[in-house]
Amino acid sequence: MAQPSSATIFQNPSTGQTETVSNRSGVWAFLGGPFYFAAKGEWMHSAIHAVLTVVALLLWPSGALMLVGLWFGYACATPTILEARYKRLGWQRVSA
């Protein structure tokens, strides 16, 4: 039997567009990094992620731990970041 989804679905009340936020969002954020946040329209997090990645790479090899922590940290925080974005934009939660 399949596990119930832990995804949250948000809907734009004016256009009816829906977006799903789940733990998979964190996987995509880990794989895509700042590009994932840019694609989602979260420009501030995209810029912060990119700048901190460059700083960590400039501090290589001592910045390696910072780099790993940054990418894993953003991956874990992605569902919360996206939920806050949709709430801030006035989207309605239609499923939890």
PDB file of N, CA and C in Angstrom:
ATOM      1  N   MET A   1       0.834  -1.164   0.000  1.00  0.00           N
ATOM      2  CA  MET A   1       0.000   0.000   0.000  1.00  0.00           C
ATOM      3  C   MET A   1       0.885   1.236   0.000  1.00  0.00           C
ATOM      4  N   ALA A   2       0.507   2.221  -0.787  1.00  0.00           N
ATOM      5  CA  ALA A   2       1.303   3.441  -0.917  1.00  0.00           C
ATOM      6  C   ALA A   2       1.128   4.332   0.304  1.00  0.00           C
ATOM      7  N   GLN A   3       2.190   5.037   0.645  1.00  0.00           N
ATOM      8  CA  GLN A   3       2.145   5.987   1.747  1.00  0.00           C
ATOM      9  C   GLN A   3       1.341   7.217   1.327  1.00  0.00           C
ATOM     10  N   PRO A   4       0.608   7.828   2.238  1.00  0.00           N
ATOM     11  CA  PRO A   4      -0.085   9.068   1.890  1.00  0.00           C
ATOM     12  C   PRO A   4       0.928  10.169   1.616  1.00  0.00           C
ATOM     13  N   SER A   5       0.601  11.014   0.683  1.00  0.00           N
ATOM     14  CA  SER A   5       1.495  12.092   0.301  1.00  0.00           C
ATOM     15  C   SER A   5       1.555  13.147   1.391  1.00  0.00           C
ATOM     16  N   SER A   6       2.733  13.664   1.633  1.00  0.00           N
ATOM     17  CA  SER A   6       2.892  14.742   2.600  1.00  0.00           C
ATOM     18  C   SER A   6       2.962  16.083   1.882  1.00  0.00           C
ATOM     19  N   ALA A   7       2.464  16.127   0.649  1.00  0.00           N
ATOM     20  CA  ALA A   7       2.523  17.342  -0.138  1.00  0.00           C
ATOM     21  C   ALA A   7       1.429  18.315   0.275  1.00  0.00           C
ATOM     22  N   THR A   8       1.742  19.589   0.169  1.00  0.00           N
ATOM     23  CA  THR A   8       0.778  20.648   0.395  1.00  0.00           C
ATOM     24  C   THR A   8       0.529  21.328  -0.938  1.00  0.00           C
ATOM     25  N   ILE A   9      -0.730  21.525  -1.270  1.00  0.00           N
ATOM     26  CA  ILE A   9      -1.083  22.134  -2.546  1.00  0.00           C
ATOM     27  C   ILE A   9      -1.623  23.532  -2.277  1.00  0.00           C
ATOM     28  N   PHE A  10      -1.078  24.507  -2.992  1.00  0.00           N
ATOM     29  CA  PHE A  10      -1.522  25.884  -2.893  1.00  0.00           C
ATOM     30  C   PHE A  10      -2.160  26.285  -4.210  1.00  0.00           C
ATOM     31  N   GLN A  11      -3.196  27.130  -4.115  1.00  0.00           N
ATOM     32  CA  GLN A  11      -3.892  27.578  -5.315  1.00  0.00           C
ATOM     33  C   GLN A  11      -3.972  29.101  -5.326  1.00  0.00           C
ATOM     34  N   ASN A  12      -3.681  29.675  -6.486  1.00  0.00           N
ATOM     35  CA  ASN A  12      -3.813  31.108  -6.677  1.00  0.00           C
ATOM     36  C   ASN A  12      -5.296  31.408  -6.855  1.00  0.00           C
ATOM     37  N   PRO A  13      -5.894  32.195  -5.950  1.00  0.00           N
ATOM     38  CA  PRO A  13      -7.336  32.411  -6.038  1.00  0.00           C
ATOM     39  C   PRO A  13      -7.782  33.180  -7.279  1.00  0.00           C
ATOM     40  N   SER A  14      -6.911  33.992  -7.852  1.00  0.00           N
ATOM     41  CA  SER A  14      -7.322  34.782  -9.011  1.00  0.00           C
ATOM     42  C   SER A  14      -7.176  34.029 -10.331  1.00  0.00           C
ATOM     43  N   THR A  15      -6.203  33.120 -10.428  1.00  0.00           N
ATOM     44  CA  THR A  15      -5.989  32.416 -11.696  1.00  0.00           C
ATOM     45  C   THR A  15      -6.330  30.933 -11.632  1.00  0.00           C
ATOM     46  N   GLY A  16      -6.419  30.378 -10.433  1.00  0.00           N
ATOM     47  CA  GLY A  16      -6.691  28.953 -10.289  1.00  0.00           C
ATOM     48  C   GLY A  16      -5.463  28.073 -10.448  1.00  0.00           C
ATOM     49  N   GLN A  17      -4.301  28.680 -10.679  1.00  0.00           N
ATOM     50  CA  GLN A  17      -3.051  27.918 -10.816  1.00  0.00           C
ATOM     51  C   GLN A  17      -2.724  27.243  -9.492  1.00  0.00           C
ATOM     52  N   THR A  18      -2.251  26.002  -9.549  1.00  0.00           N
ATOM     53  CA  THR A  18      -1.870  25.279  -8.343  1.00  0.00           C
ATOM     54  C   THR A  18      -0.386  24.943  -8.369  1.00  0.00           C
ATOM     55  N   GLU A  19       0.199  24.899  -7.198  1.00  0.00           N
ATOM     56  CA  GLU A  19       1.594  24.505  -7.011  1.00  0.00           C
ATOM     57  C   GLU A  19       1.660  23.546  -5.839  1.00  0.00           C
ATOM     58  N   THR A  20       2.482  22.531  -5.968  1.00  0.00           N
ATOM     59  CA  THR A  20       2.651  21.535  -4.924  1.00  0.00           C
ATOM     60  C   THR A  20       3.981  21.749  -4.218  1.00  0.00           C
ATOM     61  N   VAL A  21       3.951  21.694  -2.899  1.00  0.00           N
ATOM     62  CA  VAL A  21       5.159  21.790  -2.083  1.00  0.00           C
ATOM     63  C   VAL A  21       5.275  20.495  -1.303  1.00  0.00           C
ATOM     64  N   SER A  22       6.382  19.787  -1.492  1.00  0.00           N
ATOM     65  CA  SER A  22       6.593  18.535  -0.773  1.00  0.00           C
ATOM     66  C   SER A  22       8.085  18.388  -0.485  1.00  0.00           C
ATOM     67  N   ASN A  23       8.443  17.240   0.077  1.00  0.00           N
ATOM     68  CA  ASN A  23       9.860  16.977   0.334  1.00  0.00           C
ATOM     69  C   ASN A  23      10.645  16.835  -0.959  1.00  0.00           C
ATOM     70  N   ARG A  24       9.969  16.493  -2.042  1.00  0.00           N
ATOM     71  CA  ARG A  24      10.655  16.434  -3.339  1.00  0.00           C
ATOM     72  C   ARG A  24      11.187  17.796  -3.745  1.00  0.00           C
ATOM     73  N   SER A  25      10.531  18.852  -3.270  1.00  0.00           N
ATOM     74  CA  SER A  25      11.020  20.204  -3.551  1.00  0.00           C
ATOM     75  C   SER A  25      12.432  20.371  -3.005  1.00  0.00           C
ATOM     76  N   GLY A  26      12.695  19.784  -1.850  1.00  0.00           N
ATOM     77  CA  GLY A  26      14.033  19.840  -1.267  1.00  0.00           C
ATOM     78  C   GLY A  26      15.056  19.087  -2.093  1.00  0.00           C
ATOM     79  N   VAL A  27      14.635  17.956  -2.665  1.00  0.00           N
ATOM     80  CA  VAL A  27      15.550  17.192  -3.525  1.00  0.00           C
ATOM     81  C   VAL A  27      15.904  18.015  -4.757  1.00  0.00           C
ATOM     82  N   TRP A  28      14.881  18.645  -5.351  1.00  0.00           N
ATOM     83  CA  TRP A  28      15.141  19.467  -6.541  1.00  0.00           C
ATOM     84  C   TRP A  28      15.989  20.687  -6.199  1.00  0.00           C
ATOM     85  N   ALA A  29      15.789  21.243  -5.014  1.00  0.00           N
ATOM     86  CA  ALA A  29      16.605  22.377  -4.585  1.00  0.00           C
ATOM     87  C   ALA A  29      18.053  21.948  -4.378  1.00  0.00           C
ATOM     88  N   PHE A  30      18.257  20.740  -3.855  1.00  0.00           N
ATOM     89  CA  PHE A  30      19.624  20.241  -3.667  1.00  0.00           C
ATOM     90  C   PHE A  30      20.303  20.036  -5.018  1.00  0.00           C
ATOM     91  N   LEU A  31      19.563  19.507  -5.981  1.00  0.00           N
ATOM     92  CA  LEU A  31      20.148  19.249  -7.300  1.00  0.00           C
ATOM     93  C   LEU A  31      20.324  20.521  -8.120  1.00  0.00           C
ATOM     94  N   GLY A  32      19.411  21.478  -7.967  1.00  0.00           N
ATOM     95  CA  GLY A  32      19.443  22.681  -8.797  1.00  0.00           C
ATOM     96  C   GLY A  32      20.055  23.895  -8.142  1.00  0.00           C
ATOM     97  N   GLY A  33      20.135  23.872  -6.828  1.00  0.00           N
ATOM     98  CA  GLY A  33      20.734  24.985  -6.110  1.00  0.00           C
ATOM     99  C   GLY A  33      20.025  26.302  -6.364  1.00  0.00           C
ATOM    100  N   PRO A  34      20.786  27.359  -6.593  1.00  0.00           N
ATOM    101  CA  PRO A  34      20.178  28.678  -6.783  1.00  0.00           C
ATOM    102  C   PRO A  34      19.286  28.745  -8.025  1.00  0.00           C
ATOM    103  N   PHE A  35      19.541  27.888  -9.000  1.00  0.00           N
ATOM    104  CA  PHE A  35      18.726  27.884 -10.213  1.00  0.00           C
ATOM    105  C   PHE A  35      17.298  27.422  -9.918  1.00  0.00           C
ATOM    106  N   TYR A  36      17.138  26.509  -8.974  1.00  0.00           N
ATOM    107  CA  TYR A  36      15.810  26.055  -8.591  1.00  0.00           C
ATOM    108  C   TYR A  36      15.006  27.199  -7.985  1.00  0.00           C
ATOM    109  N   PHE A  37      15.631  27.949  -7.074  1.00  0.00           N
ATOM    110  CA  PHE A  37      14.930  29.065  -6.454  1.00  0.00           C
ATOM    111  C   PHE A  37      14.614  30.163  -7.458  1.00  0.00           C
ATOM    112  N   ALA A  38      15.496  30.383  -8.407  1.00  0.00           N
ATOM    113  CA  ALA A  38      15.221  31.366  -9.458  1.00  0.00           C
ATOM    114  C   ALA A  38      14.041  30.923 -10.305  1.00  0.00           C
ATOM    115  N   ALA A  39      13.966  29.637 -10.616  1.00  0.00           N
ATOM    116  CA  ALA A  39      12.854  29.124 -11.418  1.00  0.00           C
ATOM    117  C   ALA A  39      11.533  29.241 -10.664  1.00  0.00           C
ATOM    118  N   LYS A  40      11.568  29.167  -9.350  1.00  0.00           N
ATOM    119  CA  LYS A  40      10.361  29.306  -8.543  1.00  0.00           C
ATOM    120  C   LYS A  40      10.027  30.772  -8.262  1.00  0.00           C
ATOM    121  N   GLY A  41      10.886  31.685  -8.678  1.00  0.00           N
ATOM    122  CA  GLY A  41      10.640  33.107  -8.469  1.00  0.00           C
ATOM    123  C   GLY A  41      11.071  33.615  -7.118  1.00  0.00           C
ATOM    124  N   GLU A  42      11.812  32.831  -6.393  1.00  0.00           N
ATOM    125  CA  GLU A  42      12.299  33.218  -5.067  1.00  0.00           C
ATOM    126  C   GLU A  42      13.706  33.793  -5.250  1.00  0.00           C
ATOM    127  N   TRP A  43      13.752  35.036  -5.731  1.00  0.00           N
ATOM    128  CA  TRP A  43      15.009  35.642  -6.158  1.00  0.00           C
ATOM    129  C   TRP A  43      15.964  35.927  -5.011  1.00  0.00           C
ATOM    130  N   MET A  44      15.447  36.314  -3.870  1.00  0.00           N
ATOM    131  CA  MET A  44      16.331  36.627  -2.744  1.00  0.00           C
ATOM    132  C   MET A  44      17.074  35.373  -2.275  1.00  0.00           C
ATOM    133  N   HIS A  45      16.371  34.271  -2.134  1.00  0.00           N
ATOM    134  CA  HIS A  45      17.034  33.033  -1.720  1.00  0.00           C
ATOM    135  C   HIS A  45      17.977  32.529  -2.810  1.00  0.00           C
ATOM    136  N   SER A  46      17.620  32.743  -4.053  1.00  0.00           N
ATOM    137  CA  SER A  46      18.503  32.360  -5.149  1.00  0.00           C
ATOM    138  C   SER A  46      19.822  33.130  -5.072  1.00  0.00           C
ATOM    139  N   ALA A  47      19.732  34.429  -4.842  1.00  0.00           N
ATOM    140  CA  ALA A  47      20.939  35.260  -4.768  1.00  0.00           C
ATOM    141  C   ALA A  47      21.779  34.907  -3.547  1.00  0.00           C
ATOM    142  N   ILE A  48      21.136  34.716  -2.397  1.00  0.00           N
ATOM    143  CA  ILE A  48      21.875  34.357  -1.177  1.00  0.00           C
ATOM    144  C   ILE A  48      22.579  33.018  -1.361  1.00  0.00           C
ATOM    145  N   HIS A  49      21.875  32.055  -1.917  1.00  0.00           N
ATOM    146  CA  HIS A  49      22.446  30.720  -2.155  1.00  0.00           C
ATOM    147  C   HIS A  49      23.651  30.822  -3.088  1.00  0.00           C
ATOM    148  N   ALA A  50      23.515  31.592  -4.167  1.00  0.00           N
ATOM    149  CA  ALA A  50      24.604  31.723  -5.134  1.00  0.00           C
ATOM    150  C   ALA A  50      25.823  32.416  -4.522  1.00  0.00           C
ATOM    151  N   VAL A  51      25.596  33.491  -3.782  1.00  0.00           N
ATOM    152  CA  VAL A  51      26.709  34.229  -3.178  1.00  0.00           C
ATOM    153  C   VAL A  51      27.434  33.365  -2.150  1.00  0.00           C
ATOM    154  N   LEU A  52      26.682  32.668  -1.299  1.00  0.00           N
ATOM    155  CA  LEU A  52      27.329  31.818  -0.294  1.00  0.00           C
ATOM    156  C   LEU A  52      28.055  30.634  -0.933  1.00  0.00           C
ATOM    157  N   THR A  53      27.542  30.134  -2.045  1.00  0.00           N
ATOM    158  CA  THR A  53      28.239  29.065  -2.764  1.00  0.00           C
ATOM    159  C   THR A  53      29.572  29.562  -3.305  1.00  0.00           C
ATOM    160  N   VAL A  54      29.575  30.761  -3.880  1.00  0.00           N
ATOM    161  CA  VAL A  54      30.821  31.335  -4.406  1.00  0.00           C
ATOM    162  C   VAL A  54      31.812  31.580  -3.274  1.00  0.00           C
ATOM    163  N   VAL A  55      31.335  32.099  -2.148  1.00  0.00           N
ATOM    164  CA  VAL A  55      32.216  32.335  -0.996  1.00  0.00           C
ATOM    165  C   VAL A  55      32.828  31.020  -0.518  1.00  0.00           C
ATOM    166  N   ALA A  56      32.013  29.982  -0.416  1.00  0.00           N
ATOM    167  CA  ALA A  56      32.519  28.683   0.032  1.00  0.00           C
ATOM    168  C   ALA A  56      33.543  28.128  -0.946  1.00  0.00           C
ATOM    169  N   LEU A  57      33.304  28.314  -2.240  1.00  0.00           N
ATOM    170  CA  LEU A  57      34.272  27.826  -3.237  1.00  0.00           C
ATOM    171  C   LEU A  57      35.570  28.625  -3.189  1.00  0.00           C
ATOM    172  N   LEU A  58      35.472  29.914  -2.883  1.00  0.00           N
ATOM    173  CA  LEU A  58      36.688  30.728  -2.761  1.00  0.00           C
ATOM    174  C   LEU A  58      37.505  30.345  -1.530  1.00  0.00           C
ATOM    175  N   LEU A  59      36.839  29.812  -0.525  1.00  0.00           N
ATOM    176  CA  LEU A  59      37.529  29.392   0.695  1.00  0.00           C
ATOM    177  C   LEU A  59      37.984  27.938   0.644  1.00  0.00           C
ATOM    178  N   TRP A  60      37.874  27.323  -0.519  1.00  0.00           N
ATOM    179  CA  TRP A  60      38.230  25.914  -0.676  1.00  0.00           C
ATOM    180  C   TRP A  60      39.660  25.687  -0.246  1.00  0.00           C
ATOM    181  N   PRO A  61      40.064  24.658   0.413  1.00  0.00           N
ATOM    182  CA  PRO A  61      39.319  23.497   0.847  1.00  0.00           C
ATOM    183  C   PRO A  61      38.649  23.672   2.207  1.00  0.00           C
ATOM    184  N   SER A  62      39.002  24.740   2.936  1.00  0.00           N
ATOM    185  CA  SER A  62      38.383  24.893   4.256  1.00  0.00           C
ATOM    186  C   SER A  62      36.901  25.245   4.156  1.00  0.00           C
ATOM    187  N   GLY A  63      36.446  25.720   3.029  1.00  0.00           N
ATOM    188  CA  GLY A  63      35.046  26.053   2.835  1.00  0.00           C
ATOM    189  C   GLY A  63      34.192  24.875   2.400  1.00  0.00           C
ATOM    190  N   ALA A  64      34.789  23.690   2.298  1.00  0.00           N
ATOM    191  CA  ALA A  64      34.042  22.515   1.839  1.00  0.00           C
ATOM    192  C   ALA A  64      32.898  22.166   2.786  1.00  0.00           C
ATOM    193  N   LEU A  65      33.145  22.248   4.075  1.00  0.00           N
ATOM    194  CA  LEU A  65      32.097  21.948   5.045  1.00  0.00           C
ATOM    195  C   LEU A  65      30.977  22.984   4.967  1.00  0.00           C
ATOM    196  N   MET A  66      31.351  24.231   4.754  1.00  0.00           N
ATOM    197  CA  MET A  66      30.353  25.280   4.591  1.00  0.00           C
ATOM    198  C   MET A  66      29.499  25.011   3.356  1.00  0.00           C
ATOM    199  N   LEU A  67      30.124  24.583   2.289  1.00  0.00           N
ATOM    200  CA  LEU A  67      29.423  24.304   1.040  1.00  0.00           C
ATOM    201  C   LEU A  67      28.420  23.164   1.216  1.00  0.00           C
ATOM    202  N   VAL A  68      28.847  22.101   1.854  1.00  0.00           N
ATOM    203  CA  VAL A  68      27.961  20.954   2.077  1.00  0.00           C
ATOM    204  C   VAL A  68      26.811  21.355   2.994  1.00  0.00           C
ATOM    205  N   GLY A  69      27.103  22.080   4.059  1.00  0.00           N
ATOM    206  CA  GLY A  69      26.067  22.535   4.971  1.00  0.00           C
ATOM    207  C   GLY A  69      25.079  23.479   4.308  1.00  0.00           C
ATOM    208  N   LEU A  70      25.575  24.332   3.452  1.00  0.00           N
ATOM    209  CA  LEU A  70      24.720  25.270   2.728  1.00  0.00           C
ATOM    210  C   LEU A  70      23.734  24.544   1.831  1.00  0.00           C
ATOM    211  N   TRP A  71      24.227  23.601   1.038  1.00  0.00           N
ATOM    212  CA  TRP A  71      23.358  22.898   0.092  1.00  0.00           C
ATOM    213  C   TRP A  71      22.364  21.999   0.811  1.00  0.00           C
ATOM    214  N   PHE A  72      22.800  21.285   1.846  1.00  0.00           N
ATOM    215  CA  PHE A  72      21.875  20.447   2.603  1.00  0.00           C
ATOM    216  C   PHE A  72      20.888  21.296   3.404  1.00  0.00           C
ATOM    217  N   GLY A  73      21.366  22.387   3.957  1.00  0.00           N
ATOM    218  CA  GLY A  73      20.489  23.272   4.727  1.00  0.00           C
ATOM    219  C   GLY A  73      19.384  23.861   3.867  1.00  0.00           C
ATOM    220  N   TYR A  74      19.741  24.342   2.698  1.00  0.00           N
ATOM    221  CA  TYR A  74      18.726  24.885   1.807  1.00  0.00           C
ATOM    222  C   TYR A  74      17.773  23.798   1.327  1.00  0.00           C
ATOM    223  N   ALA A  75      18.276  22.600   1.101  1.00  0.00           N
ATOM    224  CA  ALA A  75      17.401  21.495   0.684  1.00  0.00           C
ATOM    225  C   ALA A  75      16.373  21.188   1.769  1.00  0.00           C
ATOM    226  N   CYS A  76      16.804  21.203   3.019  1.00  0.00           N
ATOM    227  CA  CYS A  76      15.879  20.918   4.122  1.00  0.00           C
ATOM    228  C   CYS A  76      14.892  22.057   4.350  1.00  0.00           C
ATOM    229  N   ALA A  77      15.294  23.283   4.083  1.00  0.00           N
ATOM    230  CA  ALA A  77      14.440  24.443   4.329  1.00  0.00           C
ATOM    231  C   ALA A  77      13.520  24.777   3.159  1.00  0.00           C
ATOM    232  N   THR A  78      13.719  24.151   2.019  1.00  0.00           N
ATOM    233  CA  THR A  78      12.960  24.502   0.823  1.00  0.00           C
ATOM    234  C   THR A  78      11.450  24.418   1.000  1.00  0.00           C
ATOM    235  N   PRO A  79      10.884  23.340   1.551  1.00  0.00           N
ATOM    236  CA  PRO A  79       9.420  23.328   1.706  1.00  0.00           C
ATOM    237  C   PRO A  79       8.901  24.504   2.545  1.00  0.00           C
ATOM    238  N   THR A  80       9.599  24.856   3.598  1.00  0.00           N
ATOM    239  CA  THR A  80       9.190  25.983   4.439  1.00  0.00           C
ATOM    240  C   THR A  80       9.304  27.298   3.681  1.00  0.00           C
ATOM    241  N   ILE A  81      10.370  27.463   2.917  1.00  0.00           N
ATOM    242  CA  ILE A  81      10.569  28.686   2.137  1.00  0.00           C
ATOM    243  C   ILE A  81       9.457  28.844   1.102  1.00  0.00           C
ATOM    244  N   LEU A  82       9.127  27.770   0.406  1.00  0.00           N
ATOM    245  CA  LEU A  82       8.092  27.849  -0.624  1.00  0.00           C
ATOM    246  C   LEU A  82       6.707  28.063  -0.028  1.00  0.00           C
ATOM    247  N   GLU A  83       6.408  27.402   1.087  1.00  0.00           N
ATOM    248  CA  GLU A  83       5.109  27.616   1.743  1.00  0.00           C
ATOM    249  C   GLU A  83       4.960  29.066   2.168  1.00  0.00           C
ATOM    250  N   ALA A  84       6.012  29.643   2.731  1.00  0.00           N
ATOM    251  CA  ALA A  84       5.962  31.045   3.150  1.00  0.00           C
ATOM    252  C   ALA A  84       5.764  31.961   1.945  1.00  0.00           C
ATOM    253  N   ARG A  85       6.385  31.618   0.824  1.00  0.00           N
ATOM    254  CA  ARG A  85       6.241  32.431  -0.392  1.00  0.00           C
ATOM    255  C   ARG A  85       4.797  32.448  -0.855  1.00  0.00           C
ATOM    256  N   TYR A  86       4.189  31.265  -0.943  1.00  0.00           N
ATOM    257  CA  TYR A  86       2.822  31.193  -1.436  1.00  0.00           C
ATOM    258  C   TYR A  86       1.847  31.877  -0.481  1.00  0.00           C
ATOM    259  N   LYS A  87       2.061  31.754   0.807  1.00  0.00           N
ATOM    260  CA  LYS A  87       1.204  32.443   1.776  1.00  0.00           C
ATOM    261  C   LYS A  87       1.362  33.954   1.652  1.00  0.00           C
ATOM    262  N   ARG A  88       2.608  34.406   1.467  1.00  0.00           N
ATOM    263  CA  ARG A  88       2.882  35.836   1.329  1.00  0.00           C
ATOM    264  C   ARG A  88       2.207  36.409   0.082  1.00  0.00           C
ATOM    265  N   LEU A  89       2.119  35.593  -0.973  1.00  0.00           N
ATOM    266  CA  LEU A  89       1.488  36.038  -2.216  1.00  0.00           C
ATOM    267  C   LEU A  89      -0.035  35.919  -2.186  1.00  0.00           C
ATOM    268  N   GLY A  90      -0.591  35.398  -1.090  1.00  0.00           N
ATOM    269  CA  GLY A  90      -2.029  35.312  -0.941  1.00  0.00           C
ATOM    270  C   GLY A  90      -2.645  34.049  -1.523  1.00  0.00           C
ATOM    271  N   TRP A  91      -1.836  33.031  -1.789  1.00  0.00           N
ATOM    272  CA  TRP A  91      -2.357  31.779  -2.299  1.00  0.00           C
ATOM    273  C   TRP A  91      -3.075  31.044  -1.184  1.00  0.00           C
ATOM    274  N   GLN A  92      -4.073  30.275  -1.546  1.00  0.00           N
ATOM    275  CA  GLN A  92      -4.844  29.502  -0.572  1.00  0.00           C
ATOM    276  C   GLN A  92      -4.350  28.064  -0.506  1.00  0.00           C
ATOM    277  N   ARG A  93      -4.257  27.525   0.702  1.00  0.00           N
ATOM    278  CA  ARG A  93      -3.897  26.124   0.874  1.00  0.00           C
ATOM    279  C   ARG A  93      -5.160  25.301   0.603  1.00  0.00           C
ATOM    280  N   VAL A  94      -5.084  24.419  -0.388  1.00  0.00           N
ATOM    281  CA  VAL A  94      -6.263  23.608  -0.727  1.00  0.00           C
ATOM    282  C   VAL A  94      -6.132  22.166  -0.258  1.00  0.00           C
ATOM    283  N   SER A  95      -4.918  21.736   0.073  1.00  0.00           N
ATOM    284  CA  SER A  95      -4.695  20.376   0.546  1.00  0.00           C
ATOM    285  C   SER A  95      -3.445  20.368   1.417  1.00  0.00           C
ATOM    286  N   ALA A  96      -3.503  19.569   2.467  1.00  0.00           N
ATOM    287  CA  ALA A  96      -2.328  19.478   3.340  1.00  0.00           C
ATOM    288  C   ALA A  96      -1.966  18.042   3.589  1.00  0.00           C
TER     289      ALA A  96
END
